[in-house]
Amino acid sequence: RNRSAVVAPMHEVSDRTVLERAIDLLGQKC
């Protein structure tokens, strides 16, 4: 349903990058 809601490659990005992606997705919804 949301093709962009991914982090890849997950082992090559920082924890901060994943956190920012999650917050960005939450901001799109809320």
Full PDB file with SEQRES, HELIX, SHEET, SSBOND, CRYST1, ORIGX, SCALE, CONECT and MASTER records, all heavy atoms in Angstrom:
SEQRES   1 A   30  ARG ASN ARG SER ALA VAL VAL ALA PRO MET HIS GLU VAL          
SEQRES   2 A   30  SER ASP ARG THR VAL LEU GLU ARG ALA ILE ASP LEU LEU          
SEQRES   3 A   30  GLY GLN LYS CYS                                              
HELIX    1 AA1 MET A   10  GLU A   12  5                                   3    
HELIX    2 AA2 ASP A   15  LYS A   29  1                                  15    
CRYST1    1.000    1.000    1.000  90.00  90.00  90.00 P 1           1          
ORIGX1      1.000000  0.000000  0.000000        0.00000                         
ORIGX2      0.000000  1.000000  0.000000        0.00000                         
ORIGX3      0.000000  0.000000  1.000000        0.00000                         
SCALE1      1.000000  0.000000  0.000000        0.00000                         
SCALE2      0.000000  1.000000  0.000000        0.00000                         
SCALE3      0.000000  0.000000  1.000000        0.00000                         
ATOM      1  N   ARG A   1       0.819  -1.220   0.000  1.00  0.00           N  
ATOM      2  CA  ARG A   1       0.000   0.000   0.000  1.00  0.00           C  
ATOM      3  C   ARG A   1       0.846   1.261   0.000  1.00  0.00           C  
ATOM      4  O   ARG A   1       0.472   2.259  -0.602  1.00  0.00           O  
ATOM      5  CB  ARG A   1      -0.938  -0.004   1.210  1.00  0.00           C  
ATOM      6  CG  ARG A   1      -2.024  -1.075   1.127  1.00  0.00           C  
ATOM      7  CD  ARG A   1      -2.780  -1.188   2.438  1.00  0.00           C  
ATOM      8  NE  ARG A   1      -3.773  -2.255   2.391  1.00  0.00           N  
ATOM      9  CZ  ARG A   1      -5.077  -2.056   2.216  1.00  0.00           C  
ATOM     10  NH1 ARG A   1      -5.539  -0.830   2.077  1.00  0.00           N  
ATOM     11  NH2 ARG A   1      -5.908  -3.079   2.197  1.00  0.00           N  
ATOM     12  N   ASN A   2       1.974   1.242   0.704  1.00  0.00           N  
ATOM     13  CA  ASN A   2       2.863   2.402   0.742  1.00  0.00           C  
ATOM     14  C   ASN A   2       4.254   1.916   0.360  1.00  0.00           C  
ATOM     15  O   ASN A   2       5.040   1.495   1.210  1.00  0.00           O  
ATOM     16  CB  ASN A   2       2.864   3.048   2.119  1.00  0.00           C  
ATOM     17  CG  ASN A   2       3.646   4.357   2.143  1.00  0.00           C  
ATOM     18  OD1 ASN A   2       4.301   4.718   1.172  1.00  0.00           O  
ATOM     19  ND2 ASN A   2       3.580   5.058   3.256  1.00  0.00           N  
ATOM     20  N   ARG A   3       4.569   1.971  -0.932  1.00  0.00           N  
ATOM     21  CA  ARG A   3       5.815   1.391  -1.434  1.00  0.00           C  
ATOM     22  C   ARG A   3       7.047   2.106  -0.886  1.00  0.00           C  
ATOM     23  O   ARG A   3       8.133   1.535  -0.861  1.00  0.00           O  
ATOM     24  CB  ARG A   3       5.840   1.442  -2.969  1.00  0.00           C  
ATOM     25  CG  ARG A   3       4.613   0.889  -3.674  1.00  0.00           C  
ATOM     26  CD  ARG A   3       4.444  -0.598  -3.459  1.00  0.00           C  
ATOM     27  NE  ARG A   3       3.290  -1.081  -4.184  1.00  0.00           N  
ATOM     28  CZ  ARG A   3       3.319  -1.508  -5.456  1.00  0.00           C  
ATOM     29  NH1 ARG A   3       4.444  -1.522  -6.131  1.00  0.00           N  
ATOM     30  NH2 ARG A   3       2.213  -1.944  -6.031  1.00  0.00           N  
ATOM     31  N   SER A   4       6.891   3.340  -0.464  1.00  0.00           N  
ATOM     32  CA  SER A   4       8.048   4.096   0.022  1.00  0.00           C  
ATOM     33  C   SER A   4       8.307   3.894   1.512  1.00  0.00           C  
ATOM     34  O   SER A   4       9.286   4.422   2.047  1.00  0.00           O  
ATOM     35  CB  SER A   4       7.851   5.593  -0.252  1.00  0.00           C  
ATOM     36  OG  SER A   4       6.749   6.103   0.492  1.00  0.00           O  
ATOM     37  N   ALA A   5       7.463   3.123   2.182  1.00  0.00           N  
ATOM     38  CA  ALA A   5       7.590   2.948   3.630  1.00  0.00           C  
ATOM     39  C   ALA A   5       8.593   1.854   3.963  1.00  0.00           C  
ATOM     40  O   ALA A   5       8.291   0.868   4.631  1.00  0.00           O  
ATOM     41  CB  ALA A   5       6.233   2.623   4.247  1.00  0.00           C  
ATOM     42  N   VAL A   6       9.820   2.024   3.471  1.00  0.00           N  
ATOM     43  CA  VAL A   6      10.865   1.026   3.679  1.00  0.00           C  
ATOM     44  C   VAL A   6      12.186   1.717   3.990  1.00  0.00           C  
ATOM     45  O   VAL A   6      12.398   2.881   3.651  1.00  0.00           O  
ATOM     46  CB  VAL A   6      11.052   0.119   2.440  1.00  0.00           C  
ATOM     47  CG1 VAL A   6       9.791  -0.681   2.160  1.00  0.00           C  
ATOM     48  CG2 VAL A   6      11.451   0.923   1.212  1.00  0.00           C  
ATOM     49  N   VAL A   7      13.069   0.952   4.635  1.00  0.00           N  
ATOM     50  CA  VAL A   7      14.464   1.339   4.801  1.00  0.00           C  
ATOM     51  C   VAL A   7      15.302   0.229   4.197  1.00  0.00           C  
ATOM     52  O   VAL A   7      15.167  -0.937   4.577  1.00  0.00           O  
ATOM     53  CB  VAL A   7      14.827   1.536   6.282  1.00  0.00           C  
ATOM     54  CG1 VAL A   7      16.337   1.706   6.432  1.00  0.00           C  
ATOM     55  CG2 VAL A   7      14.102   2.738   6.859  1.00  0.00           C  
ATOM     56  N   ALA A   8      16.159   0.565   3.230  1.00  0.00           N  
ATOM     57  CA  ALA A   8      17.009  -0.428   2.589  1.00  0.00           C  
ATOM     58  C   ALA A   8      18.245   0.275   2.011  1.00  0.00           C  
ATOM     59  O   ALA A   8      18.133   1.379   1.480  1.00  0.00           O  
ATOM     60  CB  ALA A   8      16.240  -1.152   1.477  1.00  0.00           C  
ATOM     61  N   PRO A   9      19.406  -0.374   2.156  1.00  0.00           N  
ATOM     62  CA  PRO A   9      19.657  -1.603   2.909  1.00  0.00           C  
ATOM     63  C   PRO A   9      19.776  -1.316   4.399  1.00  0.00           C  
ATOM     64  O   PRO A   9      20.524  -0.435   4.807  1.00  0.00           O  
ATOM     65  CB  PRO A   9      20.972  -2.118   2.330  1.00  0.00           C  
ATOM     66  CG  PRO A   9      21.648  -0.893   1.804  1.00  0.00           C  
ATOM     67  CD  PRO A   9      20.580   0.077   1.400  1.00  0.00           C  
ATOM     68  N   MET A  10      19.057  -2.061   5.197  1.00  0.00           N  
ATOM     69  CA  MET A  10      18.892  -1.737   6.606  1.00  0.00           C  
ATOM     70  C   MET A  10      20.193  -1.806   7.402  1.00  0.00           C  
ATOM     71  O   MET A  10      20.348  -1.116   8.402  1.00  0.00           O  
ATOM     72  CB  MET A  10      17.856  -2.669   7.236  1.00  0.00           C  
ATOM     73  CG  MET A  10      18.195  -4.135   7.173  1.00  0.00           C  
ATOM     74  SD  MET A  10      16.837  -5.150   7.834  1.00  0.00           S  
ATOM     75  CE  MET A  10      17.435  -6.813   7.515  1.00  0.00           C  
ATOM     76  N   HIS A  11      21.140  -2.649   6.963  1.00  0.00           N  
ATOM     77  CA  HIS A  11      22.380  -2.794   7.725  1.00  0.00           C  
ATOM     78  C   HIS A  11      23.407  -1.724   7.373  1.00  0.00           C  
ATOM     79  O   HIS A  11      24.458  -1.654   8.004  1.00  0.00           O  
ATOM     80  CB  HIS A  11      22.982  -4.181   7.492  1.00  0.00           C  
ATOM     81  CG  HIS A  11      22.115  -5.298   7.994  1.00  0.00           C  
ATOM     82  ND1 HIS A  11      21.778  -5.424   9.320  1.00  0.00           N  
ATOM     83  CD2 HIS A  11      21.498  -6.323   7.339  1.00  0.00           C  
ATOM     84  CE1 HIS A  11      20.995  -6.488   9.472  1.00  0.00           C  
ATOM     85  NE2 HIS A  11      20.806  -7.037   8.288  1.00  0.00           N  
ATOM     86  N   GLU A  12      23.094  -0.906   6.379  1.00  0.00           N  
ATOM     87  CA  GLU A  12      24.064   0.086   5.922  1.00  0.00           C  
ATOM     88  C   GLU A  12      23.648   1.517   6.244  1.00  0.00           C  
ATOM     89  O   GLU A  12      24.296   2.464   5.802  1.00  0.00           O  
ATOM     90  CB  GLU A  12      24.291  -0.070   4.411  1.00  0.00           C  
ATOM     91  CG  GLU A  12      24.858  -1.433   4.039  1.00  0.00           C  
ATOM     92  CD  GLU A  12      25.030  -1.601   2.546  1.00  0.00           C  
ATOM     93  OE1 GLU A  12      25.135  -0.572   1.838  1.00  0.00           O  
ATOM     94  OE2 GLU A  12      25.052  -2.752   2.068  1.00  0.00           O  
ATOM     95  N   VAL A  13      22.554   1.673   6.985  1.00  0.00           N  
ATOM     96  CA  VAL A  13      22.113   3.014   7.374  1.00  0.00           C  
ATOM     97  C   VAL A  13      22.198   3.144   8.889  1.00  0.00           C  
ATOM     98  O   VAL A  13      22.212   2.143   9.615  1.00  0.00           O  
ATOM     99  CB  VAL A  13      20.669   3.289   6.895  1.00  0.00           C  
ATOM    100  CG1 VAL A  13      20.578   3.209   5.382  1.00  0.00           C  
ATOM    101  CG2 VAL A  13      19.694   2.314   7.539  1.00  0.00           C  
ATOM    102  N   SER A  14      22.242   4.356   9.357  1.00  0.00           N  
ATOM    103  CA  SER A  14      22.373   4.608  10.793  1.00  0.00           C  
ATOM    104  C   SER A  14      21.030   4.461  11.496  1.00  0.00           C  
ATOM    105  O   SER A  14      19.966   4.544  10.874  1.00  0.00           O  
ATOM    106  CB  SER A  14      22.911   6.019  11.027  1.00  0.00           C  
ATOM    107  OG  SER A  14      21.953   6.992  10.634  1.00  0.00           O  
ATOM    108  N   ASP A  15      21.105   4.264  12.807  1.00  0.00           N  
ATOM    109  CA  ASP A  15      19.883   4.224  13.609  1.00  0.00           C  
ATOM    110  C   ASP A  15      19.122   5.544  13.493  1.00  0.00           C  
ATOM    111  O   ASP A  15      17.891   5.567  13.488  1.00  0.00           O  
ATOM    112  CB  ASP A  15      20.222   3.958  15.080  1.00  0.00           C  
ATOM    113  CG  ASP A  15      20.711   2.539  15.309  1.00  0.00           C  
ATOM    114  OD1 ASP A  15      20.715   1.747  14.344  1.00  0.00           O  
ATOM    115  OD2 ASP A  15      21.105   2.227  16.444  1.00  0.00           O  
ATOM    116  N   ARG A  16      19.866   6.637  13.404  1.00  0.00           N  
ATOM    117  CA  ARG A  16      19.227   7.945  13.287  1.00  0.00           C  
ATOM    118  C   ARG A  16      18.428   8.058  11.994  1.00  0.00           C  
ATOM    119  O   ARG A  16      17.321   8.612  11.975  1.00  0.00           O  
ATOM    120  CB  ARG A  16      20.298   9.048  13.333  1.00  0.00           C  
ATOM    121  CG  ARG A  16      19.723  10.458  13.281  1.00  0.00           C  
ATOM    122  CD  ARG A  16      18.966  10.776  14.559  1.00  0.00           C  
ATOM    123  NE  ARG A  16      18.141  11.973  14.411  1.00  0.00           N  
ATOM    124  CZ  ARG A  16      17.379  12.451  15.377  1.00  0.00           C  
ATOM    125  NH1 ARG A  16      17.317  11.829  16.545  1.00  0.00           N  
ATOM    126  NH2 ARG A  16      16.652  13.531  15.180  1.00  0.00           N  
ATOM    127  N   THR A  17      18.945   7.485  10.908  1.00  0.00           N  
ATOM    128  CA  THR A  17      18.236   7.516   9.631  1.00  0.00           C  
ATOM    129  C   THR A  17      16.916   6.768   9.723  1.00  0.00           C  
ATOM    130  O   THR A  17      15.886   7.230   9.221  1.00  0.00           O  
ATOM    131  CB  THR A  17      19.113   6.915   8.527  1.00  0.00           C  
ATOM    132  OG1 THR A  17      20.294   7.712   8.364  1.00  0.00           O  
ATOM    133  CG2 THR A  17      18.365   6.841   7.203  1.00  0.00           C  
ATOM    134  N   VAL A  18      16.939   5.611  10.388  1.00  0.00           N  
ATOM    135  CA  VAL A  18      15.707   4.830  10.535  1.00  0.00           C  
ATOM    136  C   VAL A  18      14.709   5.581  11.402  1.00  0.00           C  
ATOM    137  O   VAL A  18      13.510   5.628  11.108  1.00  0.00           O  
ATOM    138  CB  VAL A  18      16.011   3.437  11.119  1.00  0.00           C  
ATOM    139  CG1 VAL A  18      14.727   2.624  11.239  1.00  0.00           C  
ATOM    140  CG2 VAL A  18      17.021   2.698  10.245  1.00  0.00           C  
ATOM    141  N   LEU A  19      15.193   6.185  12.489  1.00  0.00           N  
ATOM    142  CA  LEU A  19      14.309   6.967  13.361  1.00  0.00           C  
ATOM    143  C   LEU A  19      13.666   8.111  12.586  1.00  0.00           C  
ATOM    144  O   LEU A  19      12.451   8.337  12.696  1.00  0.00           O  
ATOM    145  CB  LEU A  19      15.099   7.512  14.543  1.00  0.00           C  
ATOM    146  CG  LEU A  19      14.361   8.491  15.460  1.00  0.00           C  
ATOM    147  CD1 LEU A  19      13.166   7.811  16.130  1.00  0.00           C  
ATOM    148  CD2 LEU A  19      15.319   9.066  16.509  1.00  0.00           C  
ATOM    149  N   GLU A  20      14.448   8.825  11.813  1.00  0.00           N  
ATOM    150  CA  GLU A  20      13.905   9.949  11.045  1.00  0.00           C  
ATOM    151  C   GLU A  20      12.875   9.470  10.021  1.00  0.00           C  
ATOM    152  O   GLU A  20      11.877  10.159   9.779  1.00  0.00           O  
ATOM    153  CB  GLU A  20      15.042  10.699  10.357  1.00  0.00           C  
ATOM    154  CG  GLU A  20      15.928  11.471  11.327  1.00  0.00           C  
ATOM    155  CD  GLU A  20      17.145  12.080  10.652  1.00  0.00           C  
ATOM    156  OE1 GLU A  20      17.382  11.755   9.453  1.00  0.00           O  
ATOM    157  OE2 GLU A  20      17.858  12.872  11.295  1.00  0.00           O  
ATOM    158  N   ARG A  21      13.104   8.294   9.434  1.00  0.00           N  
ATOM    159  CA  ARG A  21      12.130   7.760   8.477  1.00  0.00           C  
ATOM    160  C   ARG A  21      10.830   7.424   9.190  1.00  0.00           C  
ATOM    161  O   ARG A  21       9.738   7.677   8.672  1.00  0.00           O  
ATOM    162  CB  ARG A  21      12.696   6.508   7.796  1.00  0.00           C  
ATOM    163  CG  ARG A  21      11.801   5.966   6.702  1.00  0.00           C  
ATOM    164  CD  ARG A  21      11.832   6.881   5.483  1.00  0.00           C  
ATOM    165  NE  ARG A  21      10.871   6.465   4.476  1.00  0.00           N  
ATOM    166  CZ  ARG A  21       9.695   7.053   4.271  1.00  0.00           C  
ATOM    167  NH1 ARG A  21       9.347   8.096   5.009  1.00  0.00           N  
ATOM    168  NH2 ARG A  21       8.889   6.636   3.338  1.00  0.00           N  
ATOM    169  N   ALA A  22      10.923   6.825  10.372  1.00  0.00           N  
ATOM    170  CA  ALA A  22       9.719   6.474  11.131  1.00  0.00           C  
ATOM    171  C   ALA A  22       8.949   7.737  11.524  1.00  0.00           C  
ATOM    172  O   ALA A  22       7.720   7.793  11.384  1.00  0.00           O  
ATOM    173  CB  ALA A  22      10.103   5.677  12.373  1.00  0.00           C  
ATOM    174  N   ILE A  23       9.661   8.757  12.003  1.00  0.00           N  
ATOM    175  CA  ILE A  23       8.998  10.003  12.404  1.00  0.00           C  
ATOM    176  C   ILE A  23       8.372  10.691  11.200  1.00  0.00           C  
ATOM    177  O   ILE A  23       7.278  11.266  11.286  1.00  0.00           O  
ATOM    178  CB  ILE A  23       9.997  10.926  13.130  1.00  0.00           C  
ATOM    179  CG1 ILE A  23      10.376  10.316  14.483  1.00  0.00           C  
ATOM    180  CG2 ILE A  23       9.421  12.318  13.315  1.00  0.00           C  
ATOM    181  CD1 ILE A  23      11.431  11.085  15.239  1.00  0.00           C  
ATOM    182  N   ASP A  24       9.048  10.620  10.064  1.00  0.00           N  
ATOM    183  CA  ASP A  24       8.492  11.199   8.838  1.00  0.00           C  
ATOM    184  C   ASP A  24       7.185  10.515   8.460  1.00  0.00           C  
ATOM    185  O   ASP A  24       6.201  11.177   8.105  1.00  0.00           O  
ATOM    186  CB  ASP A  24       9.508  11.080   7.707  1.00  0.00           C  
ATOM    187  CG  ASP A  24       8.967  11.617   6.394  1.00  0.00           C  
ATOM    188  OD1 ASP A  24       8.626  12.809   6.331  1.00  0.00           O  
ATOM    189  OD2 ASP A  24       8.870  10.835   5.424  1.00  0.00           O  
ATOM    190  N   LEU A  25       7.154   9.185   8.552  1.00  0.00           N  
ATOM    191  CA  LEU A  25       5.922   8.456   8.240  1.00  0.00           C  
ATOM    192  C   LEU A  25       4.806   8.821   9.217  1.00  0.00           C  
ATOM    193  O   LEU A  25       3.654   8.999   8.821  1.00  0.00           O  
ATOM    194  CB  LEU A  25       6.180   6.945   8.284  1.00  0.00           C  
ATOM    195  CG  LEU A  25       7.029   6.367   7.154  1.00  0.00           C  
ATOM    196  CD1 LEU A  25       7.396   4.924   7.459  1.00  0.00           C  
ATOM    197  CD2 LEU A  25       6.284   6.447   5.825  1.00  0.00           C  
ATOM    198  N   LEU A  26       5.154   8.924  10.482  1.00  0.00           N  
ATOM    199  CA  LEU A  26       4.155   9.303  11.482  1.00  0.00           C  
ATOM    200  C   LEU A  26       3.635  10.706  11.235  1.00  0.00           C  
ATOM    201  O   LEU A  26       2.441  10.975  11.405  1.00  0.00           O  
ATOM    202  CB  LEU A  26       4.764   9.203  12.883  1.00  0.00           C  
ATOM    203  CG  LEU A  26       5.042   7.788  13.395  1.00  0.00           C  
ATOM    204  CD1 LEU A  26       5.949   7.839  14.613  1.00  0.00           C  
ATOM    205  CD2 LEU A  26       3.740   7.074  13.719  1.00  0.00           C  
ATOM    206  N   GLY A  27       4.518  11.594  10.806  1.00  0.00           N  
ATOM    207  CA  GLY A  27       4.097  12.955  10.518  1.00  0.00           C  
ATOM    208  C   GLY A  27       3.166  13.034   9.336  1.00  0.00           C  
ATOM    209  O   GLY A  27       2.259  13.878   9.291  1.00  0.00           O  
ATOM    210  N   GLN A  28       3.348  12.124   8.367  1.00  0.00           N  
ATOM    211  CA  GLN A  28       2.451  12.087   7.216  1.00  0.00           C  
ATOM    212  C   GLN A  28       1.057  11.645   7.619  1.00  0.00           C  
ATOM    213  O   GLN A  28       0.058  12.051   7.029  1.00  0.00           O  
ATOM    214  CB  GLN A  28       3.002  11.140   6.151  1.00  0.00           C  
ATOM    215  CG  GLN A  28       4.293  11.600   5.517  1.00  0.00           C  
ATOM    216  CD  GLN A  28       4.861  10.563   4.580  1.00  0.00           C  
ATOM    217  OE1 GLN A  28       4.151   9.677   4.097  1.00  0.00           O  
ATOM    218  NE2 GLN A  28       6.154  10.645   4.308  1.00  0.00           N  
ATOM    219  N   LYS A  29       0.994  10.813   8.657  1.00  0.00           N  
ATOM    220  CA  LYS A  29      -0.300  10.278   9.088  1.00  0.00           C  
ATOM    221  C   LYS A  29      -0.986  11.189  10.091  1.00  0.00           C  
ATOM    222  O   LYS A  29      -2.208  11.331  10.088  1.00  0.00           O  
ATOM    223  CB  LYS A  29      -0.107   8.886   9.690  1.00  0.00           C  
ATOM    224  CG  LYS A  29      -1.399   8.267  10.194  1.00  0.00           C  
ATOM    225  CD  LYS A  29      -1.152   6.889  10.800  1.00  0.00           C  
ATOM    226  CE  LYS A  29      -2.460   6.292  11.315  1.00  0.00           C  
ATOM    227  NZ  LYS A  29      -2.254   4.961  11.937  1.00  0.00           N  
ATOM    228  N   CYS A  30      -0.205  11.794  10.993  1.00  0.00           N  
ATOM    229  CA  CYS A  30      -0.792  12.535  12.119  1.00  0.00           C  
ATOM    230  C   CYS A  30      -0.609  14.036  11.924  1.00  0.00           C  
ATOM    231  O   CYS A  30       0.494  14.502  11.642  1.00  0.00           O  
ATOM    232  CB  CYS A  30      -0.123  12.106  13.428  1.00  0.00           C  
ATOM    233  SG  CYS A  30      -0.234  10.329  13.735  1.00  0.00           S  
TER     234      CYS A  30                                                      
MASTER        0    0    0    2    0    0    0    6  233    1    0    3          
END                                                                             
